[in-house]
Amino acid sequence: MNVNLAVEYAKAGFFVFPCSAQRRQREPHDRLPFGKAEKRPLVSSWSKDASNDPVQVCKWWSESPHALIGLPCKQNRLLVIDADRHSADEDGVAHFAALCEAHEPLPPHPVVLTDY
């Protein structure tokens, strides 16, 4: 369940907030056989209300057990590059690789690969 992961993030010092897991109706251009998640914040002011308190995190997920986990970049001092592949003509991964190749390689960094 997402609550367990959200609590682990909080215990590690990351600020989190819950987001809607509801899916929109599938559009013809969607790559996957289901619509995209809304990912709408479920707290009124996510940038201020994000918390790393496990008690608060558990409270939020008890109210919305299927919520996705939002990580606000500024509070967590993160830079995220989301290189999506929306279509054959829109390959963010290839564009980002070319950008890195044209300049210098990136220093060691975490990478997350997802299929959806």
PDB file of N, CA and C in Angstrom:
ATOM      1  N   MET A   1       0.837  -1.196   0.000  1.00  0.00           N
ATOM      2  CA  MET A   1       0.000   0.000   0.000  1.00  0.00           C
ATOM      3  C   MET A   1       0.876   1.251   0.000  1.00  0.00           C
ATOM      4  N   ASN A   2       0.386   2.304  -0.598  1.00  0.00           N
ATOM      5  CA  ASN A   2       1.142   3.537  -0.693  1.00  0.00           C
ATOM      6  C   ASN A   2       1.422   4.165   0.668  1.00  0.00           C
ATOM      7  N   VAL A   3       0.550   3.912   1.660  1.00  0.00           N
ATOM      8  CA  VAL A   3       0.791   4.488   2.985  1.00  0.00           C
ATOM      9  C   VAL A   3       2.127   4.024   3.543  1.00  0.00           C
ATOM     10  N   ASN A   4       2.477   2.768   3.335  1.00  0.00           N
ATOM     11  CA  ASN A   4       3.746   2.256   3.860  1.00  0.00           C
ATOM     12  C   ASN A   4       4.929   2.979   3.237  1.00  0.00           C
ATOM     13  N   LEU A   5       4.886   3.179   1.933  1.00  0.00           N
ATOM     14  CA  LEU A   5       5.963   3.880   1.254  1.00  0.00           C
ATOM     15  C   LEU A   5       5.997   5.350   1.661  1.00  0.00           C
ATOM     16  N   ALA A   6       4.829   5.969   1.786  1.00  0.00           N
ATOM     17  CA  ALA A   6       4.764   7.370   2.201  1.00  0.00           C
ATOM     18  C   ALA A   6       5.374   7.551   3.592  1.00  0.00           C
ATOM     19  N   VAL A   7       5.080   6.629   4.492  1.00  0.00           N
ATOM     20  CA  VAL A   7       5.645   6.690   5.845  1.00  0.00           C
ATOM     21  C   VAL A   7       7.158   6.497   5.800  1.00  0.00           C
ATOM     22  N   GLU A   8       7.637   5.595   4.950  1.00  0.00           N
ATOM     23  CA  GLU A   8       9.082   5.388   4.826  1.00  0.00           C
ATOM     24  C   GLU A   8       9.767   6.648   4.302  1.00  0.00           C
ATOM     25  N   TYR A   9       9.145   7.305   3.323  1.00  0.00           N
ATOM     26  CA  TYR A   9       9.686   8.578   2.842  1.00  0.00           C
ATOM     27  C   TYR A   9       9.755   9.584   3.998  1.00  0.00           C
ATOM     28  N   ALA A  10       8.660   9.699   4.759  1.00  0.00           N
ATOM     29  CA  ALA A  10       8.613  10.649   5.870  1.00  0.00           C
ATOM     30  C   ALA A  10       9.690  10.333   6.907  1.00  0.00           C
ATOM     31  N   LYS A  11       9.838   9.061   7.244  1.00  0.00           N
ATOM     32  CA  LYS A  11      10.861   8.669   8.228  1.00  0.00           C
ATOM     33  C   LYS A  11      12.268   8.998   7.733  1.00  0.00           C
ATOM     34  N   ALA A  12      12.449   8.990   6.414  1.00  0.00           N
ATOM     35  CA  ALA A  12      13.756   9.327   5.833  1.00  0.00           C
ATOM     36  C   ALA A  12      13.940  10.839   5.716  1.00  0.00           C
ATOM     37  N   GLY A  13      12.927  11.614   6.145  1.00  0.00           N
ATOM     38  CA  GLY A  13      13.033  13.070   6.141  1.00  0.00           C
ATOM     39  C   GLY A  13      12.416  13.755   4.942  1.00  0.00           C
ATOM     40  N   PHE A  14      11.810  12.994   4.024  1.00  0.00           N
ATOM     41  CA  PHE A  14      11.178  13.601   2.857  1.00  0.00           C
ATOM     42  C   PHE A  14       9.788  14.114   3.203  1.00  0.00           C
ATOM     43  N   PHE A  15       9.455  15.280   2.663  1.00  0.00           N
ATOM     44  CA  PHE A  15       8.111  15.822   2.792  1.00  0.00           C
ATOM     45  C   PHE A  15       7.239  15.177   1.717  1.00  0.00           C
ATOM     46  N   VAL A  16       6.026  14.772   2.091  1.00  0.00           N
ATOM     47  CA  VAL A  16       5.097  14.129   1.156  1.00  0.00           C
ATOM     48  C   VAL A  16       3.713  14.730   1.317  1.00  0.00           C
ATOM     49  N   PHE A  17       2.863  14.472   0.343  1.00  0.00           N
ATOM     50  CA  PHE A  17       1.453  14.834   0.424  1.00  0.00           C
ATOM     51  C   PHE A  17       0.675  13.862  -0.460  1.00  0.00           C
ATOM     52  N   PRO A  18      -0.606  13.630  -0.146  1.00  0.00           N
ATOM     53  CA  PRO A  18      -1.400  12.684  -0.937  1.00  0.00           C
ATOM     54  C   PRO A  18      -1.969  13.327  -2.205  1.00  0.00           C
ATOM     55  N   CYS A  19      -2.012  12.529  -3.274  1.00  0.00           N
ATOM     56  CA  CYS A  19      -2.582  12.964  -4.557  1.00  0.00           C
ATOM     57  C   CYS A  19      -3.652  11.973  -5.002  1.00  0.00           C
ATOM     58  N   SER A  20      -4.597  12.467  -5.754  1.00  0.00           N
ATOM     59  CA  SER A  20      -5.679  11.630  -6.266  1.00  0.00           C
ATOM     60  C   SER A  20      -5.140  10.546  -7.202  1.00  0.00           C
ATOM     61  N   ALA A  21      -5.632   9.337  -7.014  1.00  0.00           N
ATOM     62  CA  ALA A  21      -5.273   8.219  -7.890  1.00  0.00           C
ATOM     63  C   ALA A  21      -6.351   7.982  -8.947  1.00  0.00           C
ATOM     64  N   GLN A  22      -7.398   8.814  -8.921  1.00  0.00           N
ATOM     65  CA  GLN A  22      -8.467   8.652  -9.906  1.00  0.00           C
ATOM     66  C   GLN A  22      -7.916   8.779 -11.308  1.00  0.00           C
ATOM     67  N   ARG A  23      -8.449   7.974 -12.206  1.00  0.00           N
ATOM     68  CA  ARG A  23      -7.990   8.016 -13.593  1.00  0.00           C
ATOM     69  C   ARG A  23      -9.029   8.698 -14.470  1.00  0.00           C
ATOM     70  N   ARG A  24      -8.510   9.491 -15.386  1.00  0.00           N
ATOM     71  CA  ARG A  24      -9.377  10.116 -16.385  1.00  0.00           C
ATOM     72  C   ARG A  24      -9.757   9.063 -17.411  1.00  0.00           C
ATOM     73  N   GLN A  25     -10.788   9.346 -18.159  1.00  0.00           N
ATOM     74  CA  GLN A  25     -11.174   8.441 -19.229  1.00  0.00           C
ATOM     75  C   GLN A  25     -10.039   8.364 -20.245  1.00  0.00           C
ATOM     76  N   ARG A  26      -9.795   7.170 -20.759  1.00  0.00           N
ATOM     77  CA  ARG A  26      -8.704   6.978 -21.719  1.00  0.00           C
ATOM     78  C   ARG A  26      -8.949   7.800 -22.971  1.00  0.00           C
ATOM     79  N   GLU A  27      -7.893   8.467 -23.425  1.00  0.00           N
ATOM     80  CA  GLU A  27      -7.942   9.264 -24.653  1.00  0.00           C
ATOM     81  C   GLU A  27      -7.244   8.467 -25.754  1.00  0.00           C
ATOM     82  N   PRO A  28      -7.601   8.684 -27.002  1.00  0.00           N
ATOM     83  CA  PRO A  28      -6.989   7.926 -28.100  1.00  0.00           C
ATOM     84  C   PRO A  28      -5.457   8.007 -28.138  1.00  0.00           C
ATOM     85  N   HIS A  29      -4.875   9.144 -27.705  1.00  0.00           N
ATOM     86  CA  HIS A  29      -3.424   9.303 -27.758  1.00  0.00           C
ATOM     87  C   HIS A  29      -2.699   8.688 -26.546  1.00  0.00           C
ATOM     88  N   ASP A  30      -3.444   8.195 -25.542  1.00  0.00           N
ATOM     89  CA  ASP A  30      -2.800   7.583 -24.374  1.00  0.00           C
ATOM     90  C   ASP A  30      -2.076   6.303 -24.793  1.00  0.00           C
ATOM     91  N   ARG A  31      -0.848   6.140 -24.309  1.00  0.00           N
ATOM     92  CA  ARG A  31      -0.055   4.954 -24.652  1.00  0.00           C
ATOM     93  C   ARG A  31      -0.604   3.691 -23.998  1.00  0.00           C
ATOM     94  N   LEU A  32      -1.102   3.832 -22.791  1.00  0.00           N
ATOM     95  CA  LEU A  32      -1.530   2.665 -22.025  1.00  0.00           C
ATOM     96  C   LEU A  32      -3.022   2.417 -22.203  1.00  0.00           C
ATOM     97  N   PRO A  33      -3.481   1.210 -21.867  1.00  0.00           N
ATOM     98  CA  PRO A  33      -4.887   0.874 -22.091  1.00  0.00           C
ATOM     99  C   PRO A  33      -5.854   1.491 -21.081  1.00  0.00           C
ATOM    100  N   PHE A  34      -5.377   2.428 -20.270  1.00  0.00           N
ATOM    101  CA  PHE A  34      -6.245   3.105 -19.305  1.00  0.00           C
ATOM    102  C   PHE A  34      -5.872   4.579 -19.289  1.00  0.00           C
ATOM    103  N   GLY A  35      -6.746   5.410 -18.754  1.00  0.00           N
ATOM    104  CA  GLY A  35      -6.496   6.846 -18.715  1.00  0.00           C
ATOM    105  C   GLY A  35      -5.436   7.214 -17.697  1.00  0.00           C
ATOM    106  N   LYS A  36      -4.874   8.381 -17.867  1.00  0.00           N
ATOM    107  CA  LYS A  36      -3.843   8.871 -16.954  1.00  0.00           C
ATOM    108  C   LYS A  36      -4.437   9.189 -15.589  1.00  0.00           C
ATOM    109  N   ALA A  37      -3.621   9.033 -14.542  1.00  0.00           N
ATOM    110  CA  ALA A  37      -4.041   9.420 -13.196  1.00  0.00           C
ATOM    111  C   ALA A  37      -4.123  10.944 -13.125  1.00  0.00           C
ATOM    112  N   GLU A  38      -5.100  11.433 -12.374  1.00  0.00           N
ATOM    113  CA  GLU A  38      -5.248  12.887 -12.217  1.00  0.00           C
ATOM    114  C   GLU A  38      -4.067  13.491 -11.466  1.00  0.00           C
ATOM    115  N   LYS A  39      -3.598  12.819 -10.445  1.00  0.00           N
ATOM    116  CA  LYS A  39      -2.482  13.277  -9.606  1.00  0.00           C
ATOM    117  C   LYS A  39      -2.756  14.635  -8.967  1.00  0.00           C
ATOM    118  N   ARG A  40      -4.026  14.941  -8.744  1.00  0.00           N
ATOM    119  CA  ARG A  40      -4.427  16.208  -8.120  1.00  0.00           C
ATOM    120  C   ARG A  40      -4.138  16.134  -6.620  1.00  0.00           C
ATOM    121  N   PRO A  41      -3.455  17.148  -6.049  1.00  0.00           N
ATOM    122  CA  PRO A  41      -3.194  17.136  -4.607  1.00  0.00           C
ATOM    123  C   PRO A  41      -4.494  17.047  -3.804  1.00  0.00           C
ATOM    124  N   LEU A  42      -4.468  16.267  -2.735  1.00  0.00           N
ATOM    125  CA  LEU A  42      -5.639  16.096  -1.880  1.00  0.00           C
ATOM    126  C   LEU A  42      -5.546  16.936  -0.610  1.00  0.00           C
ATOM    127  N   VAL A  43      -4.557  17.810  -0.530  1.00  0.00           N
ATOM    128  CA  VAL A  43      -4.454  18.780   0.559  1.00  0.00           C
ATOM    129  C   VAL A  43      -4.546  20.162  -0.069  1.00  0.00           C
ATOM    130  N   SER A  44      -5.125  21.104   0.670  1.00  0.00           N
ATOM    131  CA  SER A  44      -5.445  22.407   0.076  1.00  0.00           C
ATOM    132  C   SER A  44      -4.219  23.175  -0.401  1.00  0.00           C
ATOM    133  N   SER A  45      -3.150  23.138   0.330  1.00  0.00           N
ATOM    134  CA  SER A  45      -1.954  23.889  -0.044  1.00  0.00           C
ATOM    135  C   SER A  45      -0.751  22.955   0.057  1.00  0.00           C
ATOM    136  N   TRP A  46      -0.625  22.084  -0.933  1.00  0.00           N
ATOM    137  CA  TRP A  46       0.375  21.017  -0.867  1.00  0.00           C
ATOM    138  C   TRP A  46       1.785  21.535  -0.671  1.00  0.00           C
ATOM    139  N   SER A  47       2.105  22.699  -1.242  1.00  0.00           N
ATOM    140  CA  SER A  47       3.480  23.187  -1.120  1.00  0.00           C
ATOM    141  C   SER A  47       3.811  23.621   0.308  1.00  0.00           C
ATOM    142  N   LYS A  48       2.797  24.028   1.068  1.00  0.00           N
ATOM    143  CA  LYS A  48       3.020  24.408   2.471  1.00  0.00           C
ATOM    144  C   LYS A  48       2.669  23.273   3.427  1.00  0.00           C
ATOM    145  N   ASP A  49       1.681  22.451   3.054  1.00  0.00           N
ATOM    146  CA  ASP A  49       1.176  21.430   3.969  1.00  0.00           C
ATOM    147  C   ASP A  49       1.913  20.100   3.900  1.00  0.00           C
ATOM    148  N   ALA A  50       2.760  19.908   2.909  1.00  0.00           N
ATOM    149  CA  ALA A  50       3.505  18.649   2.813  1.00  0.00           C
ATOM    150  C   ALA A  50       4.195  18.393   4.154  1.00  0.00           C
ATOM    151  N   SER A  51       4.266  17.124   4.536  1.00  0.00           N
ATOM    152  CA  SER A  51       4.766  16.793   5.869  1.00  0.00           C
ATOM    153  C   SER A  51       5.729  15.618   5.834  1.00  0.00           C
ATOM    154  N   ASN A  52       6.659  15.623   6.781  1.00  0.00           N
ATOM    155  CA  ASN A  52       7.508  14.451   6.994  1.00  0.00           C
ATOM    156  C   ASN A  52       7.228  13.843   8.362  1.00  0.00           C
ATOM    157  N   ASP A  53       6.051  14.135   8.903  1.00  0.00           N
ATOM    158  CA  ASP A  53       5.597  13.571  10.172  1.00  0.00           C
ATOM    159  C   ASP A  53       4.808  12.292   9.882  1.00  0.00           C
ATOM    160  N   PRO A  54       5.337  11.124  10.271  1.00  0.00           N
ATOM    161  CA  PRO A  54       4.644   9.860   9.988  1.00  0.00           C
ATOM    162  C   PRO A  54       3.208   9.809  10.507  1.00  0.00           C
ATOM    163  N   VAL A  55       2.920  10.493  11.611  1.00  0.00           N
ATOM    164  CA  VAL A  55       1.549  10.503  12.146  1.00  0.00           C
ATOM    165  C   VAL A  55       0.615  11.228  11.183  1.00  0.00           C
ATOM    166  N   GLN A  56       1.049  12.385  10.694  1.00  0.00           N
ATOM    167  CA  GLN A  56       0.247  13.135   9.719  1.00  0.00           C
ATOM    168  C   GLN A  56       0.070  12.336   8.435  1.00  0.00           C
ATOM    169  N   VAL A  57       1.141  11.708   7.985  1.00  0.00           N
ATOM    170  CA  VAL A  57       1.089  10.910   6.759  1.00  0.00           C
ATOM    171  C   VAL A  57       0.079   9.778   6.913  1.00  0.00           C
ATOM    172  N   CYS A  58       0.111   9.077   8.043  1.00  0.00           N
ATOM    173  CA  CYS A  58      -0.860   7.991   8.285  1.00  0.00           C
ATOM    174  C   CYS A  58      -2.288   8.529   8.309  1.00  0.00           C
ATOM    175  N   LYS A  59      -2.487   9.704   8.885  1.00  0.00           N
ATOM    176  CA  LYS A  59      -3.824  10.310   8.931  1.00  0.00           C
ATOM    177  C   LYS A  59      -4.323  10.572   7.512  1.00  0.00           C
ATOM    178  N   TRP A  60      -3.480  11.186   6.682  1.00  0.00           N
ATOM    179  CA  TRP A  60      -3.891  11.466   5.309  1.00  0.00           C
ATOM    180  C   TRP A  60      -4.268  10.181   4.575  1.00  0.00           C
ATOM    181  N   TRP A  61      -3.427   9.143   4.688  1.00  0.00           N
ATOM    182  CA  TRP A  61      -3.691   7.918   3.935  1.00  0.00           C
ATOM    183  C   TRP A  61      -4.818   7.094   4.544  1.00  0.00           C
ATOM    184  N   SER A  62      -5.157   7.314   5.812  1.00  0.00           N
ATOM    185  CA  SER A  62      -6.340   6.640   6.360  1.00  0.00           C
ATOM    186  C   SER A  62      -7.605   7.254   5.760  1.00  0.00           C
ATOM    187  N   GLU A  63      -7.524   8.541   5.415  1.00  0.00           N
ATOM    188  CA  GLU A  63      -8.660   9.226   4.773  1.00  0.00           C
ATOM    189  C   GLU A  63      -8.735   8.917   3.277  1.00  0.00           C
ATOM    190  N   SER A  64      -7.600   8.648   2.648  1.00  0.00           N
ATOM    191  CA  SER A  64      -7.531   8.371   1.210  1.00  0.00           C
ATOM    192  C   SER A  64      -6.536   7.235   0.967  1.00  0.00           C
ATOM    193  N   PRO A  65      -6.963   5.985   1.266  1.00  0.00           N
ATOM    194  CA  PRO A  65      -6.023   4.861   1.229  1.00  0.00           C
ATOM    195  C   PRO A  65      -5.385   4.574  -0.128  1.00  0.00           C
ATOM    196  N   HIS A  66      -6.009   4.997  -1.212  1.00  0.00           N
ATOM    197  CA  HIS A  66      -5.451   4.718  -2.539  1.00  0.00           C
ATOM    198  C   HIS A  66      -4.651   5.895  -3.100  1.00  0.00           C
ATOM    199  N   ALA A  67      -4.437   6.902  -2.265  1.00  0.00           N
ATOM    200  CA  ALA A  67      -3.739   8.110  -2.738  1.00  0.00           C
ATOM    201  C   ALA A  67      -2.340   7.785  -3.250  1.00  0.00           C
ATOM    202  N   LEU A  68      -1.949   8.531  -4.275  1.00  0.00           N
ATOM    203  CA  LEU A  68      -0.578   8.469  -4.772  1.00  0.00           C
ATOM    204  C   LEU A  68       0.277   9.377  -3.883  1.00  0.00           C
ATOM    205  N   ILE A  69       1.580   9.231  -3.979  1.00  0.00           N
ATOM    206  CA  ILE A  69       2.490  10.013  -3.140  1.00  0.00           C
ATOM    207  C   ILE A  69       3.054  11.177  -3.945  1.00  0.00           C
ATOM    208  N   GLY A  70       2.849  12.378  -3.414  1.00  0.00           N
ATOM    209  CA  GLY A  70       3.449  13.564  -4.005  1.00  0.00           C
ATOM    210  C   GLY A  70       4.688  13.944  -3.205  1.00  0.00           C
ATOM    211  N   LEU A  71       5.751  14.287  -3.905  1.00  0.00           N
ATOM    212  CA  LEU A  71       6.996  14.753  -3.280  1.00  0.00           C
ATOM    213  C   LEU A  71       7.278  16.168  -3.788  1.00  0.00           C
ATOM    214  N   PRO A  72       7.094  17.188  -2.967  1.00  0.00           N
ATOM    215  CA  PRO A  72       7.377  18.545  -3.439  1.00  0.00           C
ATOM    216  C   PRO A  72       8.885  18.749  -3.581  1.00  0.00           C
ATOM    217  N   CYS A  73       9.296  19.104  -4.768  1.00  0.00           N
ATOM    218  CA  CYS A  73      10.733  19.209  -5.061  1.00  0.00           C
ATOM    219  C   CYS A  73      11.437  20.266  -4.216  1.00  0.00           C
ATOM    220  N   LYS A  74      10.832  21.440  -4.064  1.00  0.00           N
ATOM    221  CA  LYS A  74      11.519  22.522  -3.350  1.00  0.00           C
ATOM    222  C   LYS A  74      11.825  22.129  -1.903  1.00  0.00           C
ATOM    223  N   GLN A  75      10.821  21.669  -1.154  1.00  0.00           N
ATOM    224  CA  GLN A  75      11.061  21.308   0.249  1.00  0.00           C
ATOM    225  C   GLN A  75      12.064  20.164   0.380  1.00  0.00           C
ATOM    226  N   ASN A  76      12.059  19.271  -0.601  1.00  0.00           N
ATOM    227  CA  ASN A  76      12.947  18.113  -0.540  1.00  0.00           C
ATOM    228  C   ASN A  76      14.291  18.355  -1.222  1.00  0.00           C
ATOM    229  N   ARG A  77      14.481  19.586  -1.719  1.00  0.00           N
ATOM    230  CA  ARG A  77      15.730  19.960  -2.385  1.00  0.00           C
ATOM    231  C   ARG A  77      16.068  18.984  -3.513  1.00  0.00           C
ATOM    232  N   LEU A  78      15.064  18.740  -4.366  1.00  0.00           N
ATOM    233  CA  LEU A  78      15.210  17.801  -5.479  1.00  0.00           C
ATOM    234  C   LEU A  78      15.124  18.524  -6.816  1.00  0.00           C
ATOM    235  N   LEU A  79      15.839  18.013  -7.767  1.00  0.00           N
ATOM    236  CA  LEU A  79      15.683  18.403  -9.165  1.00  0.00           C
ATOM    237  C   LEU A  79      15.241  17.140  -9.883  1.00  0.00           C
ATOM    238  N   VAL A  80      14.118  17.206 -10.551  1.00  0.00           N
ATOM    239  CA  VAL A  80      13.572  16.038 -11.242  1.00  0.00           C
ATOM    240  C   VAL A  80      13.483  16.348 -12.729  1.00  0.00           C
ATOM    241  N   ILE A  81      14.013  15.454 -13.521  1.00  0.00           N
ATOM    242  CA  ILE A  81      13.885  15.554 -14.973  1.00  0.00           C
ATOM    243  C   ILE A  81      13.016  14.384 -15.402  1.00  0.00           C
ATOM    244  N   ASP A  82      11.842  14.695 -15.907  1.00  0.00           N
ATOM    245  CA  ASP A  82      10.867  13.679 -16.298  1.00  0.00           C
ATOM    246  C   ASP A  82      10.905  13.542 -17.816  1.00  0.00           C
ATOM    247  N   ALA A  83      11.671  12.588 -18.290  1.00  0.00           N
ATOM    248  CA  ALA A  83      11.870  12.403 -19.727  1.00  0.00           C
ATOM    249  C   ALA A  83      10.905  11.335 -20.237  1.00  0.00           C
ATOM    250  N   ASP A  84       9.711  11.773 -20.603  1.00  0.00           N
ATOM    251  CA  ASP A  84       8.668  10.846 -21.048  1.00  0.00           C
ATOM    252  C   ASP A  84       8.819  10.474 -22.512  1.00  0.00           C
ATOM    253  N   ARG A  85       8.199   9.363 -22.851  1.00  0.00           N
ATOM    254  CA  ARG A  85       8.053   8.940 -24.257  1.00  0.00           C
ATOM    255  C   ARG A  85       6.566   8.934 -24.560  1.00  0.00           C
ATOM    256  N   HIS A  86       6.074  10.052 -25.046  1.00  0.00           N
ATOM    257  CA  HIS A  86       4.647  10.153 -25.339  1.00  0.00           C
ATOM    258  C   HIS A  86       4.290   9.510 -26.667  1.00  0.00           C
ATOM    259  N   SER A  87       5.203   9.577 -27.609  1.00  0.00           N
ATOM    260  CA  SER A  87       4.973   8.966 -28.918  1.00  0.00           C
ATOM    261  C   SER A  87       6.336   8.794 -29.580  1.00  0.00           C
ATOM    262  N   ALA A  88       6.356   8.204 -30.763  1.00  0.00           N
ATOM    263  CA  ALA A  88       7.619   8.021 -31.483  1.00  0.00           C
ATOM    264  C   ALA A  88       8.265   9.368 -31.795  1.00  0.00           C
ATOM    265  N   ASP A  89       7.444  10.399 -31.990  1.00  0.00           N
ATOM    266  CA  ASP A  89       7.953  11.735 -32.302  1.00  0.00           C
ATOM    267  C   ASP A  89       8.333  12.533 -31.055  1.00  0.00           C
ATOM    268  N   GLU A  90       7.864  12.095 -29.902  1.00  0.00           N
ATOM    269  CA  GLU A  90       8.111  12.810 -28.646  1.00  0.00           C
ATOM    270  C   GLU A  90       8.824  11.891 -27.671  1.00  0.00           C
ATOM    271  N   ASP A  91      10.122  11.699 -27.879  1.00  0.00           N
ATOM    272  CA  ASP A  91      10.905  10.806 -27.039  1.00  0.00           C
ATOM    273  C   ASP A  91      11.810  11.628 -26.139  1.00  0.00           C
ATOM    274  N   GLY A  92      11.311  11.964 -24.958  1.00  0.00           N
ATOM    275  CA  GLY A  92      12.071  12.769 -24.013  1.00  0.00           C
ATOM    276  C   GLY A  92      13.348  12.100 -23.555  1.00  0.00           C
ATOM    277  N   VAL A  93      13.352  10.778 -23.491  1.00  0.00           N
ATOM    278  CA  VAL A  93      14.549  10.044 -23.075  1.00  0.00           C
ATOM    279  C   VAL A  93      15.667  10.259 -24.096  1.00  0.00           C
ATOM    280  N   ALA A  94      15.353  10.114 -25.386  1.00  0.00           N
ATOM    281  CA  ALA A  94      16.351  10.313 -26.435  1.00  0.00           C
ATOM    282  C   ALA A  94      16.829  11.764 -26.470  1.00  0.00           C
ATOM    283  N   HIS A  95      15.904  12.714 -26.323  1.00  0.00           N
ATOM    284  CA  HIS A  95      16.285  14.126 -26.330  1.00  0.00           C
ATOM    285  C   HIS A  95      17.195  14.454 -25.148  1.00  0.00           C
ATOM    286  N   PHE A  96      16.888  13.903 -23.986  1.00  0.00           N
ATOM    287  CA  PHE A  96      17.716  14.162 -22.812  1.00  0.00           C
ATOM    288  C   PHE A  96      19.101  13.528 -22.983  1.00  0.00           C
ATOM    289  N   ALA A  97      19.156  12.314 -23.532  1.00  0.00           N
ATOM    290  CA  ALA A  97      20.449  11.652 -23.772  1.00  0.00           C
ATOM    291  C   ALA A  97      21.297  12.482 -24.738  1.00  0.00           C
ATOM    292  N   ALA A  98      20.681  13.022 -25.774  1.00  0.00           N
ATOM    293  CA  ALA A  98      21.413  13.853 -26.739  1.00  0.00           C
ATOM    294  C   ALA A  98      21.918  15.132 -26.078  1.00  0.00           C
ATOM    295  N   LEU A  99      21.109  15.725 -25.226  1.00  0.00           N
ATOM    296  CA  LEU A  99      21.520  16.924 -24.503  1.00  0.00           C
ATOM    297  C   LEU A  99      22.735  16.630 -23.622  1.00  0.00           C
ATOM    298  N   CYS A 100      22.698  15.511 -22.908  1.00  0.00           N
ATOM    299  CA  CYS A 100      23.827  15.121 -22.049  1.00  0.00           C
ATOM    300  C   CYS A 100      25.073  14.843 -22.883  1.00  0.00           C
ATOM    301  N   GLU A 101      24.895  14.189 -24.015  1.00  0.00           N
ATOM    302  CA  GLU A 101      26.031  13.858 -24.881  1.00  0.00           C
ATOM    303  C   GLU A 101      26.668  15.122 -25.465  1.00  0.00           C
ATOM    304  N   ALA A 102      25.845  16.108 -25.783  1.00  0.00           N
ATOM    305  CA  ALA A 102      26.352  17.347 -26.372  1.00  0.00           C
ATOM    306  C   ALA A 102      27.132  18.183 -25.361  1.00  0.00           C
ATOM    307  N   HIS A 103      26.912  17.909 -24.094  1.00  0.00           N
ATOM    308  CA  HIS A 103      27.601  18.667 -23.052  1.00  0.00           C
ATOM    309  C   HIS A 103      28.511  17.686 -22.314  1.00  0.00           C
ATOM    310  N   GLU A 104      28.356  17.569 -21.050  1.00  0.00           N
ATOM    311  CA  GLU A 104      29.190  16.619 -20.319  1.00  0.00           C
ATOM    312  C   GLU A 104      28.294  15.588 -19.673  1.00  0.00           C
ATOM    313  N   PRO A 105      28.840  14.425 -19.382  1.00  0.00           N
ATOM    314  CA  PRO A 105      27.996  13.443 -18.705  1.00  0.00           C
ATOM    315  C   PRO A 105      27.563  13.960 -17.332  1.00  0.00           C
ATOM    316  N   LEU A 106      26.416  13.519 -16.912  1.00  0.00           N
ATOM    317  CA  LEU A 106      25.923  13.898 -15.593  1.00  0.00           C
ATOM    318  C   LEU A 106      26.738  13.187 -14.512  1.00  0.00           C
ATOM    319  N   PRO A 107      26.853  13.801 -13.351  1.00  0.00           N
ATOM    320  CA  PRO A 107      27.496  13.094 -12.244  1.00  0.00           C
ATOM    321  C   PRO A 107      26.591  11.934 -11.810  1.00  0.00           C
ATOM    322  N   PRO A 108      27.100  11.017 -11.012  1.00  0.00           N
ATOM    323  CA  PRO A 108      26.255   9.910 -10.543  1.00  0.00           C
ATOM    324  C   PRO A 108      24.962  10.447  -9.908  1.00  0.00           C
ATOM    325  N   HIS A 109      23.865   9.787 -10.212  1.00  0.00           N
ATOM    326  CA  HIS A 109      22.552  10.248  -9.750  1.00  0.00           C
ATOM    327  C   HIS A 109      21.574   9.078  -9.776  1.00  0.00           C
ATOM    328  N   PRO A 110      20.506   9.157  -8.976  1.00  0.00           N
ATOM    329  CA  PRO A 110      19.490   8.099  -9.022  1.00  0.00           C
ATOM    330  C   PRO A 110      18.660   8.207 -10.306  1.00  0.00           C
ATOM    331  N   VAL A 111      18.211   7.076 -10.791  1.00  0.00           N
ATOM    332  CA  VAL A 111      17.350   7.012 -11.972  1.00  0.00           C
ATOM    333  C   VAL A 111      16.193   6.078 -11.645  1.00  0.00           C
ATOM    334  N   VAL A 112      14.989   6.490 -11.995  1.00  0.00           N
ATOM    335  CA  VAL A 112      13.810   5.659 -11.811  1.00  0.00           C
ATOM    336  C   VAL A 112      13.230   5.370 -13.182  1.00  0.00           C
ATOM    337  N   LEU A 113      13.059   4.102 -13.496  1.00  0.00           N
ATOM    338  CA  LEU A 113      12.446   3.700 -14.765  1.00  0.00           C
ATOM    339  C   LEU A 113      11.048   3.199 -14.486  1.00  0.00           C
ATOM    340  N   THR A 114      10.082   3.691 -15.235  1.00  0.00           N
ATOM    341  CA  THR A 114       8.699   3.240 -15.075  1.00  0.00           C
ATOM    342  C   THR A 114       8.142   2.834 -16.430  1.00  0.00           C
ATOM    343  N   ASP A 115       7.168   1.942 -16.380  1.00  0.00           N
ATOM    344  CA  ASP A 115       6.489   1.522 -17.605  1.00  0.00           C
ATOM    345  C   ASP A 115       5.183   2.272 -17.797  1.00  0.00           C
ATOM    346  N   TYR A 116       4.724   2.985 -16.798  1.00  0.00           N
ATOM    347  CA  TYR A 116       3.452   3.691 -16.903  1.00  0.00           C
ATOM    348  C   TYR A 116       3.474   4.962 -16.127  1.00  0.00           C
TER     349      TYR A 116
END
